[in-house]
Amino acid sequence: MDFLAKYLVTKMESEGLICQLAEAYILDPNHATDLEYVLSRANIECFYKDLQFDVLGNPICGVSRTQGGRKIIIISTQITNPQRKRFTIAHEIGHVLLGHEPRTCTENMLYIFNDRNTKEREANTFAAELLLPKIGVERYLAIGDPTLTIAERMADRYSTSVLSAAIRMVKKSKLSVALIKHNGVKTDWIIQSDSCIFKVNEGVIDERSIAYGLSDNRPSGLGEVDPAAWTEGNDDLKCREHSKIYSGYCLTLLNLFEE
């Protein structure tokens, strides 16, 4: 087994153990997780403070640390969105239960699911499993091909943001799908399912896409588009796009498949 293969096996085993840890704190996988119960059972103290900014000027969302035997998390009072607050709490709980060193987390860290920052990826994996249990997500994926509508239904049931639900849906999908967060003009980031082998273009949104035409008069769109709007180098590829404006950002979900 080569180095990359060994690394991937180790990563999968690590994520499996993290998910098992989160599952131990889920009372009912069909309903929203009771975070007060999780905090109490894990003996974690949760405080709310105005956390200001880090040295780079990024707003601080949460802090976690173990101090003199006490397990403590601190959540920013600037977070007013209930779904975002729930994910931040779950994320910081993850840091504590996974034995991470003291952490200070900014908003951009809450969407790391790649290898740029192992500790933040692990905390996000824990939070995603805690708030959006695998059993429930798989039940929604059995409905049909992933769409933003399905992500919205998941978010409503589990009291999470649509963004968190969409990320979880893509990461768990066995189909070739990709999620793009953008502002209607330029991409912010792209997350792809493990089954998606096609490179999705970053940067400026192509005018052939549905995402390019989003506006207050047309806040969403669903349909088949020219695959060249999002990918390169595959003439046999088909691309079904679902794009929509949300509060403060836009999401595009791509289903990519060959004829």
C-alpha atoms as a PDB file:
ATOM      1  CA  MET A   1       0.000   0.000   0.000  1.00  0.00           C
ATOM      2  CA  ASP A   2       1.518   3.363  -1.033  1.00  0.00           C
ATOM      3  CA  PHE A   3       1.670   6.470   1.168  1.00  0.00           C
ATOM      4  CA  LEU A   4      -1.470   8.089  -0.298  1.00  0.00           C
ATOM      5  CA  ALA A   5      -3.510   4.915   0.132  1.00  0.00           C
ATOM      6  CA  LYS A   6      -2.330   4.557   3.739  1.00  0.00           C
ATOM      7  CA  TYR A   7      -3.179   8.195   4.399  1.00  0.00           C
ATOM      8  CA  LEU A   8      -6.699   7.817   2.985  1.00  0.00           C
ATOM      9  CA  VAL A   9      -7.343   4.684   5.058  1.00  0.00           C
ATOM     10  CA  THR A  10      -6.109   6.455   8.204  1.00  0.00           C
ATOM     11  CA  LYS A  11      -8.276   9.484   7.436  1.00  0.00           C
ATOM     12  CA  MET A  12     -11.376   7.329   6.889  1.00  0.00           C
ATOM     13  CA  GLU A  13     -10.752   5.425  10.120  1.00  0.00           C
ATOM     14  CA  SER A  14     -10.297   8.708  11.997  1.00  0.00           C
ATOM     15  CA  GLU A  15     -13.531  10.164  10.611  1.00  0.00           C
ATOM     16  CA  GLY A  16     -15.343   6.930  11.476  1.00  0.00           C
ATOM     17  CA  LEU A  17     -14.239   7.167  15.107  1.00  0.00           C
ATOM     18  CA  ILE A  18     -15.261  10.832  15.266  1.00  0.00           C
ATOM     19  CA  CYS A  19     -18.715   9.979  13.944  1.00  0.00           C
ATOM     20  CA  GLN A  20     -19.051   7.160  16.499  1.00  0.00           C
ATOM     21  CA  LEU A  21     -18.225   9.646  19.255  1.00  0.00           C
ATOM     22  CA  ALA A  22     -20.896  12.067  18.020  1.00  0.00           C
ATOM     23  CA  GLU A  23     -23.476   9.287  17.672  1.00  0.00           C
ATOM     24  CA  ALA A  24     -23.063   8.474  21.372  1.00  0.00           C
ATOM     25  CA  TYR A  25     -24.593  11.862  22.220  1.00  0.00           C
ATOM     26  CA  ILE A  26     -27.600  11.650  19.853  1.00  0.00           C
ATOM     27  CA  LEU A  27     -30.870  10.793  21.601  1.00  0.00           C
ATOM     28  CA  ASP A  28     -33.055  10.582  18.480  1.00  0.00           C
ATOM     29  CA  PRO A  29     -31.563  10.645  14.947  1.00  0.00           C
ATOM     30  CA  ASN A  30     -34.948  11.687  13.529  1.00  0.00           C
ATOM     31  CA  HIS A  31     -35.116  15.005  15.384  1.00  0.00           C
ATOM     32  CA  ALA A  32     -32.900  17.979  16.187  1.00  0.00           C
ATOM     33  CA  THR A  33     -30.134  17.195  18.685  1.00  0.00           C
ATOM     34  CA  ASP A  34     -30.606  18.670  22.174  1.00  0.00           C
ATOM     35  CA  LEU A  35     -27.328  20.554  22.673  1.00  0.00           C
ATOM     36  CA  GLU A  36     -28.130  21.367  26.308  1.00  0.00           C
ATOM     37  CA  TYR A  37     -28.304  17.630  26.940  1.00  0.00           C
ATOM     38  CA  VAL A  38     -24.964  17.105  25.167  1.00  0.00           C
ATOM     39  CA  LEU A  39     -23.280  19.860  27.199  1.00  0.00           C
ATOM     40  CA  SER A  40     -24.652  18.440  30.452  1.00  0.00           C
ATOM     41  CA  ARG A  41     -23.718  14.848  29.661  1.00  0.00           C
ATOM     42  CA  ALA A  42     -20.219  15.829  28.533  1.00  0.00           C
ATOM     43  CA  ASN A  43     -19.810  18.090  31.595  1.00  0.00           C
ATOM     44  CA  ILE A  44     -18.920  21.075  29.416  1.00  0.00           C
ATOM     45  CA  GLU A  45     -19.570  24.623  30.611  1.00  0.00           C
ATOM     46  CA  CYS A  46     -20.867  27.015  27.941  1.00  0.00           C
ATOM     47  CA  PHE A  47     -20.513  30.794  28.237  1.00  0.00           C
ATOM     48  CA  TYR A  48     -21.449  33.686  25.937  1.00  0.00           C
ATOM     49  CA  LYS A  49     -19.177  36.714  25.471  1.00  0.00           C
ATOM     50  CA  ASP A  50     -18.334  39.389  22.933  1.00  0.00           C
ATOM     51  CA  LEU A  51     -15.244  37.734  21.433  1.00  0.00           C
ATOM     52  CA  GLN A  52     -14.200  40.546  19.096  1.00  0.00           C
ATOM     53  CA  PHE A  53     -11.624  39.723  16.357  1.00  0.00           C
ATOM     54  CA  ASP A  54      -8.467  37.683  15.829  1.00  0.00           C
ATOM     55  CA  VAL A  55      -5.116  39.239  14.855  1.00  0.00           C
ATOM     56  CA  LEU A  56      -6.107  39.156  11.167  1.00  0.00           C
ATOM     57  CA  GLY A  57      -9.341  41.022  11.814  1.00  0.00           C
ATOM     58  CA  ASN A  58     -11.635  37.994  11.438  1.00  0.00           C
ATOM     59  CA  PRO A  59     -14.647  37.864  13.811  1.00  0.00           C
ATOM     60  CA  ILE A  60     -14.167  35.169  16.459  1.00  0.00           C
ATOM     61  CA  CYS A  61     -17.132  32.780  16.704  1.00  0.00           C
ATOM     62  CA  GLY A  62     -16.059  30.416  19.465  1.00  0.00           C
ATOM     63  CA  VAL A  63     -13.340  29.385  21.874  1.00  0.00           C
ATOM     64  CA  SER A  64     -12.699  26.024  23.534  1.00  0.00           C
ATOM     65  CA  ARG A  65     -10.308  25.008  26.282  1.00  0.00           C
ATOM     66  CA  THR A  66      -9.762  22.710  29.244  1.00  0.00           C
ATOM     67  CA  GLN A  67      -8.679  24.601  32.332  1.00  0.00           C
ATOM     68  CA  GLY A  68      -7.938  23.055  35.721  1.00  0.00           C
ATOM     69  CA  GLY A  69     -10.097  20.064  34.949  1.00  0.00           C
ATOM     70  CA  ARG A  70     -12.964  22.247  33.691  1.00  0.00           C
ATOM     71  CA  LYS A  71     -14.141  21.843  30.100  1.00  0.00           C
ATOM     72  CA  ILE A  72     -15.170  25.238  28.744  1.00  0.00           C
ATOM     73  CA  ILE A  73     -16.520  26.643  25.505  1.00  0.00           C
ATOM     74  CA  ILE A  74     -17.281  30.306  24.837  1.00  0.00           C
ATOM     75  CA  ILE A  75     -19.655  31.395  22.068  1.00  0.00           C
ATOM     76  CA  SER A  76     -19.757  34.887  20.570  1.00  0.00           C
ATOM     77  CA  THR A  77     -22.766  37.007  21.510  1.00  0.00           C
ATOM     78  CA  GLN A  78     -22.509  38.485  18.009  1.00  0.00           C
ATOM     79  CA  ILE A  79     -23.975  35.274  16.573  1.00  0.00           C
ATOM     80  CA  THR A  80     -27.700  35.953  16.410  1.00  0.00           C
ATOM     81  CA  ASN A  81     -28.723  33.331  13.857  1.00  0.00           C
ATOM     82  CA  PRO A  82     -29.986  30.294  15.857  1.00  0.00           C
ATOM     83  CA  GLN A  83     -28.813  27.708  13.290  1.00  0.00           C
ATOM     84  CA  ARG A  84     -25.347  29.217  13.032  1.00  0.00           C
ATOM     85  CA  LYS A  85     -25.142  29.342  16.836  1.00  0.00           C
ATOM     86  CA  ARG A  86     -26.050  25.646  17.066  1.00  0.00           C
ATOM     87  CA  PHE A  87     -23.297  24.670  14.639  1.00  0.00           C
ATOM     88  CA  THR A  88     -20.744  26.820  16.471  1.00  0.00           C
ATOM     89  CA  ILE A  89     -21.652  25.208  19.810  1.00  0.00           C
ATOM     90  CA  ALA A  90     -21.439  21.719  18.279  1.00  0.00           C
ATOM     91  CA  HIS A  91     -18.093  22.611  16.676  1.00  0.00           C
ATOM     92  CA  GLU A  92     -16.588  23.782  19.979  1.00  0.00           C
ATOM     93  CA  ILE A  93     -17.966  20.721  21.791  1.00  0.00           C
ATOM     94  CA  GLY A  94     -16.131  18.675  19.170  1.00  0.00           C
ATOM     95  CA  HIS A  95     -12.818  20.359  19.963  1.00  0.00           C
ATOM     96  CA  VAL A  96     -13.223  19.587  23.683  1.00  0.00           C
ATOM     97  CA  LEU A  97     -14.350  15.973  23.301  1.00  0.00           C
ATOM     98  CA  LEU A  98     -11.666  15.231  20.715  1.00  0.00           C
ATOM     99  CA  GLY A  99      -8.974  16.412  23.133  1.00  0.00           C
ATOM    100  CA  HIS A 100      -7.754  19.304  21.010  1.00  0.00           C
ATOM    101  CA  GLU A 101      -5.536  21.988  22.468  1.00  0.00           C
ATOM    102  CA  PRO A 102      -7.224  25.365  23.241  1.00  0.00           C
ATOM    103  CA  ARG A 103      -8.787  26.692  20.038  1.00  0.00           C
ATOM    104  CA  THR A 104      -9.979  30.083  18.824  1.00  0.00           C
ATOM    105  CA  CYS A 105     -12.314  29.700  15.841  1.00  0.00           C
ATOM    106  CA  THR A 106     -13.375  32.217  13.228  1.00  0.00           C
ATOM    107  CA  GLU A 107     -16.320  31.839  10.842  1.00  0.00           C
ATOM    108  CA  ASN A 108     -14.230  30.623   7.904  1.00  0.00           C
ATOM    109  CA  MET A 109     -13.018  27.670  10.007  1.00  0.00           C
ATOM    110  CA  LEU A 110     -16.579  26.342  10.352  1.00  0.00           C
ATOM    111  CA  TYR A 111     -16.621  25.222   6.718  1.00  0.00           C
ATOM    112  CA  ILE A 112     -13.277  23.406   6.541  1.00  0.00           C
ATOM    113  CA  PHE A 113     -13.832  19.828   5.385  1.00  0.00           C
ATOM    114  CA  ASN A 114     -10.539  19.409   3.543  1.00  0.00           C
ATOM    115  CA  ASP A 115      -6.961  18.893   4.748  1.00  0.00           C
ATOM    116  CA  ARG A 116      -5.932  22.502   5.291  1.00  0.00           C
ATOM    117  CA  ASN A 117      -6.519  22.307   9.036  1.00  0.00           C
ATOM    118  CA  THR A 118      -6.891  18.857  10.557  1.00  0.00           C
ATOM    119  CA  LYS A 119      -8.248  19.986  13.937  1.00  0.00           C
ATOM    120  CA  GLU A 120     -10.914  22.224  12.376  1.00  0.00           C
ATOM    121  CA  ARG A 121     -11.869  19.508   9.892  1.00  0.00           C
ATOM    122  CA  GLU A 122     -12.280  17.037  12.737  1.00  0.00           C
ATOM    123  CA  ALA A 123     -14.425  19.461  14.769  1.00  0.00           C
ATOM    124  CA  ASN A 124     -16.597  20.107  11.715  1.00  0.00           C
ATOM    125  CA  THR A 125     -16.963  16.379  11.083  1.00  0.00           C
ATOM    126  CA  PHE A 126     -18.088  15.924  14.692  1.00  0.00           C
ATOM    127  CA  ALA A 127     -20.542  18.848  14.507  1.00  0.00           C
ATOM    128  CA  ALA A 128     -22.014  17.643  11.212  1.00  0.00           C
ATOM    129  CA  GLU A 129     -22.633  14.140  12.593  1.00  0.00           C
ATOM    130  CA  LEU A 130     -24.031  15.492  15.873  1.00  0.00           C
ATOM    131  CA  LEU A 131     -26.472  17.908  14.216  1.00  0.00           C
ATOM    132  CA  LEU A 132     -27.247  15.968  11.020  1.00  0.00           C
ATOM    133  CA  PRO A 133     -27.115  12.253  11.935  1.00  0.00           C
ATOM    134  CA  LYS A 134     -26.031   9.855   9.224  1.00  0.00           C
ATOM    135  CA  ILE A 135     -29.211   7.756   9.489  1.00  0.00           C
ATOM    136  CA  GLY A 136     -31.430  10.775   8.907  1.00  0.00           C
ATOM    137  CA  VAL A 137     -29.330  12.151   6.070  1.00  0.00           C
ATOM    138  CA  GLU A 138     -29.333   8.806   4.258  1.00  0.00           C
ATOM    139  CA  ARG A 139     -33.115   8.700   4.551  1.00  0.00           C
ATOM    140  CA  TYR A 140     -33.359  12.055   2.784  1.00  0.00           C
ATOM    141  CA  LEU A 141     -30.853  11.019   0.110  1.00  0.00           C
ATOM    142  CA  ALA A 142     -33.052   7.998  -0.639  1.00  0.00           C
ATOM    143  CA  ILE A 143     -35.789  10.394  -1.779  1.00  0.00           C
ATOM    144  CA  GLY A 144     -33.958  11.103  -5.039  1.00  0.00           C
ATOM    145  CA  ASP A 145     -31.054  13.005  -6.551  1.00  0.00           C
ATOM    146  CA  PRO A 146     -29.648  15.685  -4.200  1.00  0.00           C
ATOM    147  CA  THR A 147     -31.204  19.134  -4.591  1.00  0.00           C
ATOM    148  CA  LEU A 148     -31.191  22.307  -2.535  1.00  0.00           C
ATOM    149  CA  THR A 149     -34.861  21.608  -1.788  1.00  0.00           C
ATOM    150  CA  ILE A 150     -33.876  18.393  -0.012  1.00  0.00           C
ATOM    151  CA  ALA A 151     -31.177  20.301   1.894  1.00  0.00           C
ATOM    152  CA  GLU A 152     -33.823  22.817   2.978  1.00  0.00           C
ATOM    153  CA  ARG A 153     -36.044  20.019   4.297  1.00  0.00           C
ATOM    154  CA  MET A 154     -33.119  18.552   6.231  1.00  0.00           C
ATOM    155  CA  ALA A 155     -32.243  21.961   7.664  1.00  0.00           C
ATOM    156  CA  ASP A 156     -35.821  22.501   8.808  1.00  0.00           C
ATOM    157  CA  ARG A 157     -36.051  19.108  10.529  1.00  0.00           C
ATOM    158  CA  TYR A 158     -32.684  19.299  12.279  1.00  0.00           C
ATOM    159  CA  SER A 159     -32.606  23.048  13.054  1.00  0.00           C
ATOM    160  CA  THR A 160     -29.457  23.737  11.046  1.00  0.00           C
ATOM    161  CA  SER A 161     -28.634  26.183   8.269  1.00  0.00           C
ATOM    162  CA  VAL A 162     -29.303  25.168   4.678  1.00  0.00           C
ATOM    163  CA  LEU A 163     -25.586  25.594   4.080  1.00  0.00           C
ATOM    164  CA  SER A 164     -24.673  23.010   6.739  1.00  0.00           C
ATOM    165  CA  ALA A 165     -27.341  20.613   5.481  1.00  0.00           C
ATOM    166  CA  ALA A 166     -26.187  20.989   1.863  1.00  0.00           C
ATOM    167  CA  ILE A 167     -22.551  20.322   2.807  1.00  0.00           C
ATOM    168  CA  ARG A 168     -23.567  17.243   4.786  1.00  0.00           C
ATOM    169  CA  MET A 169     -25.753  16.006   1.932  1.00  0.00           C
ATOM    170  CA  VAL A 170     -22.949  16.332  -0.624  1.00  0.00           C
ATOM    171  CA  LYS A 171     -20.379  14.679   1.637  1.00  0.00           C
ATOM    172  CA  LYS A 172     -22.708  11.709   2.213  1.00  0.00           C
ATOM    173  CA  SER A 173     -23.993  11.354  -1.361  1.00  0.00           C
ATOM    174  CA  LYS A 174     -22.846   8.372  -3.417  1.00  0.00           C
ATOM    175  CA  LEU A 175     -23.606  10.289  -6.619  1.00  0.00           C
ATOM    176  CA  SER A 176     -21.333  12.661  -8.521  1.00  0.00           C
ATOM    177  CA  VAL A 177     -22.362  16.005  -7.020  1.00  0.00           C
ATOM    178  CA  ALA A 178     -20.721  19.302  -6.139  1.00  0.00           C
ATOM    179  CA  LEU A 179     -21.734  22.256  -3.979  1.00  0.00           C
ATOM    180  CA  ILE A 180     -20.562  25.777  -4.779  1.00  0.00           C
ATOM    181  CA  LYS A 181     -20.922  28.751  -2.432  1.00  0.00           C
ATOM    182  CA  HIS A 182     -20.700  32.052  -4.284  1.00  0.00           C
ATOM    183  CA  ASN A 183     -22.007  35.609  -4.473  1.00  0.00           C
ATOM    184  CA  GLY A 184     -23.512  35.335  -7.956  1.00  0.00           C
ATOM    185  CA  VAL A 185     -20.328  36.660  -9.533  1.00  0.00           C
ATOM    186  CA  LYS A 186     -17.422  34.659  -8.110  1.00  0.00           C
ATOM    187  CA  THR A 187     -17.069  31.350  -6.264  1.00  0.00           C
ATOM    188  CA  ASP A 188     -16.105  31.314  -2.570  1.00  0.00           C
ATOM    189  CA  TRP A 189     -15.451  27.578  -2.286  1.00  0.00           C
ATOM    190  CA  ILE A 190     -16.405  24.210  -3.816  1.00  0.00           C
ATOM    191  CA  ILE A 191     -17.096  20.896  -2.052  1.00  0.00           C
ATOM    192  CA  GLN A 192     -17.479  17.665  -4.045  1.00  0.00           C
ATOM    193  CA  SER A 193     -18.728  14.203  -3.140  1.00  0.00           C
ATOM    194  CA  ASP A 194     -16.176  11.399  -3.042  1.00  0.00           C
ATOM    195  CA  SER A 195     -17.775  10.019  -6.220  1.00  0.00           C
ATOM    196  CA  CYS A 196     -17.290  13.255  -8.154  1.00  0.00           C
ATOM    197  CA  ILE A 197     -14.147  12.909 -10.262  1.00  0.00           C
ATOM    198  CA  PHE A 198     -14.779  16.003 -12.397  1.00  0.00           C
ATOM    199  CA  LYS A 199     -12.951  19.256 -11.675  1.00  0.00           C
ATOM    200  CA  VAL A 200     -15.412  22.074 -11.106  1.00  0.00           C
ATOM    201  CA  ASN A 201     -14.226  25.498 -12.213  1.00  0.00           C
ATOM    202  CA  GLU A 202     -13.404  28.119  -9.603  1.00  0.00           C
ATOM    203  CA  GLY A 203     -13.462  31.879 -10.047  1.00  0.00           C
ATOM    204  CA  VAL A 204     -15.872  33.978 -12.086  1.00  0.00           C
ATOM    205  CA  ILE A 205     -19.346  32.471 -12.617  1.00  0.00           C
ATOM    206  CA  ASP A 206     -19.910  31.512 -16.271  1.00  0.00           C
ATOM    207  CA  GLU A 207     -22.778  33.316 -18.018  1.00  0.00           C
ATOM    208  CA  ARG A 208     -24.050  29.972 -19.379  1.00  0.00           C
ATOM    209  CA  SER A 209     -24.884  28.819 -15.851  1.00  0.00           C
ATOM    210  CA  ILE A 210     -28.170  29.314 -14.008  1.00  0.00           C
ATOM    211  CA  ALA A 211     -26.208  30.867 -11.149  1.00  0.00           C
ATOM    212  CA  TYR A 212     -25.110  33.726 -13.405  1.00  0.00           C
ATOM    213  CA  GLY A 213     -28.678  34.941 -13.877  1.00  0.00           C
ATOM    214  CA  LEU A 214     -29.809  34.909 -10.245  1.00  0.00           C
ATOM    215  CA  SER A 215     -31.470  38.112  -9.056  1.00  0.00           C
ATOM    216  CA  ASP A 216     -34.259  39.374  -6.802  1.00  0.00           C
ATOM    217  CA  ASN A 217     -36.624  38.779  -9.714  1.00  0.00           C
ATOM    218  CA  ARG A 218     -35.286  35.247 -10.279  1.00  0.00           C
ATOM    219  CA  PRO A 219     -33.902  34.038  -6.935  1.00  0.00           C
ATOM    220  CA  SER A 220     -33.625  30.383  -7.953  1.00  0.00           C
ATOM    221  CA  GLY A 221     -33.386  28.093 -10.937  1.00  0.00           C
ATOM    222  CA  LEU A 222     -33.240  24.374 -11.693  1.00  0.00           C
ATOM    223  CA  GLY A 223     -32.405  22.639 -14.952  1.00  0.00           C
ATOM    224  CA  GLU A 224     -29.845  21.118 -17.285  1.00  0.00           C
ATOM    225  CA  VAL A 225     -27.040  23.418 -18.395  1.00  0.00           C
ATOM    226  CA  ASP A 226     -24.037  23.271 -20.697  1.00  0.00           C
ATOM    227  CA  PRO A 227     -21.430  21.331 -18.643  1.00  0.00           C
ATOM    228  CA  ALA A 228     -18.758  23.656 -20.000  1.00  0.00           C
ATOM    229  CA  ALA A 229     -20.255  26.346 -17.767  1.00  0.00           C
ATOM    230  CA  TRP A 230     -18.814  24.499 -14.773  1.00  0.00           C
ATOM    231  CA  THR A 231     -16.261  21.937 -16.029  1.00  0.00           C
ATOM    232  CA  GLU A 232     -13.729  21.380 -18.786  1.00  0.00           C
ATOM    233  CA  GLY A 233     -12.615  18.575 -21.050  1.00  0.00           C
ATOM    234  CA  ASN A 234     -15.508  16.096 -21.125  1.00  0.00           C
ATOM    235  CA  ASP A 235     -17.846  16.143 -24.135  1.00  0.00           C
ATOM    236  CA  ASP A 236     -19.979  13.260 -22.805  1.00  0.00           C
ATOM    237  CA  LEU A 237     -20.790  14.982 -19.526  1.00  0.00           C
ATOM    238  CA  LYS A 238     -24.281  16.095 -18.507  1.00  0.00           C
ATOM    239  CA  CYS A 239     -24.831  18.763 -15.858  1.00  0.00           C
ATOM    240  CA  ARG A 240     -28.016  19.424 -13.890  1.00  0.00           C
ATOM    241  CA  GLU A 241     -27.839  22.630 -11.858  1.00  0.00           C
ATOM    242  CA  HIS A 242     -29.892  23.919  -8.942  1.00  0.00           C
ATOM    243  CA  SER A 243     -28.960  27.459  -7.877  1.00  0.00           C
ATOM    244  CA  LYS A 244     -30.583  29.719  -5.311  1.00  0.00           C
ATOM    245  CA  ILE A 245     -30.070  32.974  -3.408  1.00  0.00           C
ATOM    246  CA  TYR A 246     -30.007  32.713   0.390  1.00  0.00           C
ATOM    247  CA  SER A 247     -29.462  35.365   3.038  1.00  0.00           C
ATOM    248  CA  GLY A 248     -25.964  36.729   2.421  1.00  0.00           C
ATOM    249  CA  TYR A 249     -24.812  34.133  -0.103  1.00  0.00           C
ATOM    250  CA  CYS A 250     -25.785  31.937  -3.059  1.00  0.00           C
ATOM    251  CA  LEU A 251     -25.585  28.158  -3.410  1.00  0.00           C
ATOM    252  CA  THR A 252     -25.305  25.997  -6.507  1.00  0.00           C
ATOM    253  CA  LEU A 253     -25.695  22.224  -6.458  1.00  0.00           C
ATOM    254  CA  LEU A 254     -24.450  20.315  -9.498  1.00  0.00           C
ATOM    255  CA  ASN A 255     -25.338  16.751 -10.478  1.00  0.00           C
ATOM    256  CA  LEU A 256     -22.667  15.637 -12.944  1.00  0.00           C
ATOM    257  CA  PHE A 257     -23.045  12.447 -14.941  1.00  0.00           C
ATOM    258  CA  GLU A 258     -21.882  10.938 -18.229  1.00  0.00           C
ATOM    259  CA  GLU A 259     -24.282   9.854 -20.978  1.00  0.00           C
END
